[in-house]
Amino acid sequence: MPAEDEHTAIMELASSTPAVIVSTLGSHGVLLYRQGWEQPLEVASRTVPVVDTTGAGDAFMGALLYGLAKEGISHAGLLAMDGAQWFNLCAFATAAAALTVGKIGAMSALPNLQEVNQLLLIVR
């Protein structure tokens, strides 16, 4: 029987794998789904003036991968990460995406590490 909506479908998928499923929702943030979690973990997006959305997804994914690499997270480490670690990682990635949509272009709009960390400090 097919799922009734996207949320239900992702919850069903998450129940069948130990992986975390990251669903990006643009200006509505990110939802993370994981086996054993009753509800998805929600990470809000940053509220910024939008100039151009080109590159936002790439910025998010690049920042997510950067964060994992910086911490030396292995495949087994991914499975061991808790909700707080995933939240912090995705908060960093949403900050990178938010900074990207505030500029025109793709590559030229990508923020550097200092800009992302500064936005995180301002928001907290």
Protein backbone atom coordinates (compact mmCIF):
# COMPACT_ATOMS: atom_id res chain seq x y z
CA MET A 1 0.00 0.00 0.00
CA PRO A 2 1.52 3.35 -1.00
CA ALA A 3 2.07 6.01 1.65
CA GLU A 4 -0.50 8.78 1.90
CA ASP A 5 1.99 11.64 1.99
CA GLU A 6 5.69 12.44 1.84
CA HIS A 7 6.14 12.47 5.63
CA THR A 8 4.58 9.01 5.99
CA ALA A 9 6.64 7.65 3.11
CA ILE A 10 9.90 8.93 4.63
CA MET A 11 8.95 7.59 8.08
CA GLU A 12 8.32 4.18 6.51
CA LEU A 13 11.65 4.31 4.71
CA ALA A 14 13.47 5.40 7.86
CA SER A 15 12.01 2.47 9.78
CA SER A 16 13.71 0.09 7.37
CA THR A 17 17.25 1.45 7.56
CA PRO A 18 19.69 2.55 10.26
CA ALA A 19 20.62 5.58 8.12
CA VAL A 20 19.45 9.10 8.83
CA ILE A 21 17.32 10.57 6.06
CA VAL A 22 17.74 14.31 5.55
CA SER A 23 14.85 16.08 3.84
CA THR A 24 15.60 19.68 2.87
CA LEU A 25 12.63 22.01 2.67
CA GLY A 26 14.19 25.22 1.40
CA SER A 27 13.06 28.19 3.49
CA HIS A 28 11.19 25.79 5.80
CA GLY A 29 14.38 24.17 7.09
CA VAL A 30 15.33 20.52 7.31
CA LEU A 31 13.70 17.40 8.68
CA LEU A 32 15.81 14.44 9.78
CA TYR A 33 14.28 10.99 10.02
CA ARG A 34 15.80 7.98 11.75
CA GLN A 35 14.78 4.51 12.75
CA GLY A 36 13.45 4.60 16.31
CA TRP A 37 12.61 8.30 16.29
CA GLU A 38 8.88 8.82 16.74
CA GLN A 39 9.01 12.19 15.01
CA PRO A 40 11.50 13.79 12.65
CA LEU A 41 14.07 16.17 14.07
CA GLU A 42 13.39 19.68 12.80
CA VAL A 43 16.12 22.21 12.08
CA ALA A 44 14.77 25.64 11.19
CA SER A 45 16.23 27.62 8.34
CA ARG A 46 17.71 31.05 8.86
CA THR A 47 15.48 33.98 7.91
CA VAL A 48 17.39 36.06 5.39
CA PRO A 49 16.54 38.29 2.44
CA VAL A 50 16.57 36.04 -0.63
CA VAL A 51 18.33 37.32 -3.74
CA ASP A 52 18.96 34.09 -5.68
CA THR A 53 18.35 30.48 -4.63
CA THR A 54 20.91 29.10 -7.07
CA GLY A 55 23.45 27.01 -5.17
CA ALA A 56 21.55 26.76 -1.87
CA GLY A 57 21.27 22.98 -2.04
CA ASP A 58 24.92 22.65 -3.02
CA ALA A 59 25.92 24.93 -0.13
CA PHE A 60 23.85 22.85 2.29
CA MET A 61 25.29 19.55 1.12
CA GLY A 62 28.84 20.90 0.94
CA ALA A 63 28.59 22.24 4.50
CA LEU A 64 27.09 18.96 5.71
CA LEU A 65 29.93 16.97 4.15
CA TYR A 66 32.51 19.48 5.42
CA GLY A 67 31.18 19.08 8.96
CA LEU A 68 31.35 15.30 8.76
CA ALA A 69 34.87 15.36 7.31
CA LYS A 70 36.08 17.94 9.84
CA GLU A 71 34.94 15.71 12.68
CA GLY A 72 36.34 12.60 11.00
CA ILE A 73 32.96 10.87 11.04
CA SER A 74 33.18 7.40 9.52
CA HIS A 75 30.31 5.30 8.19
CA ALA A 76 30.01 3.66 11.61
CA GLY A 77 30.23 7.12 13.17
CA LEU A 78 27.22 8.26 11.14
CA LEU A 79 25.17 5.49 12.69
CA ALA A 80 26.36 6.46 16.18
CA MET A 81 25.52 10.19 15.93
CA ASP A 82 22.73 11.33 18.22
CA GLY A 83 20.03 13.90 17.58
CA ALA A 84 22.03 16.78 19.07
CA GLN A 85 25.00 16.05 16.80
CA TRP A 86 22.73 15.88 13.75
CA PHE A 87 21.00 19.09 14.81
CA ASN A 88 24.28 21.00 15.14
CA LEU A 89 25.57 19.67 11.84
CA CYS A 90 22.39 20.65 10.01
CA ALA A 91 22.26 24.05 11.72
CA PHE A 92 25.73 24.70 10.28
CA ALA A 93 24.59 23.53 6.84
CA THR A 94 21.40 25.65 6.88
CA ALA A 95 23.51 28.69 7.79
CA ALA A 96 25.71 28.07 4.75
CA ALA A 97 22.63 27.76 2.54
CA ALA A 98 21.10 30.93 3.99
CA LEU A 99 24.21 32.93 3.25
CA THR A 100 24.24 31.58 -0.30
CA VAL A 101 20.71 32.75 -1.13
CA GLY A 102 21.63 36.28 -0.09
CA LYS A 103 23.92 36.69 -3.11
CA ILE A 104 23.63 36.27 -6.86
CA GLY A 105 25.17 33.24 -8.49
CA ALA A 106 26.23 29.79 -7.45
CA MET A 107 29.96 29.49 -6.81
CA SER A 108 30.44 33.20 -6.17
CA ALA A 109 27.67 33.15 -3.56
CA LEU A 110 29.09 30.31 -1.46
CA PRO A 111 30.14 31.58 1.97
CA ASN A 112 33.45 30.90 3.63
CA LEU A 113 33.80 29.22 7.03
CA GLN A 114 34.15 32.51 8.91
CA GLU A 115 30.88 33.84 7.44
CA VAL A 116 28.98 30.68 8.41
CA ASN A 117 30.37 30.67 11.95
CA GLN A 118 29.53 34.37 12.32
CA LEU A 119 25.90 33.78 11.30
CA LEU A 120 25.67 30.91 13.77
CA LEU A 121 26.89 33.18 16.57
CA ILE A 122 24.42 35.92 15.67
CA VAL A 123 21.46 33.55 15.63
CA ARG A 124 22.24 31.73 18.87
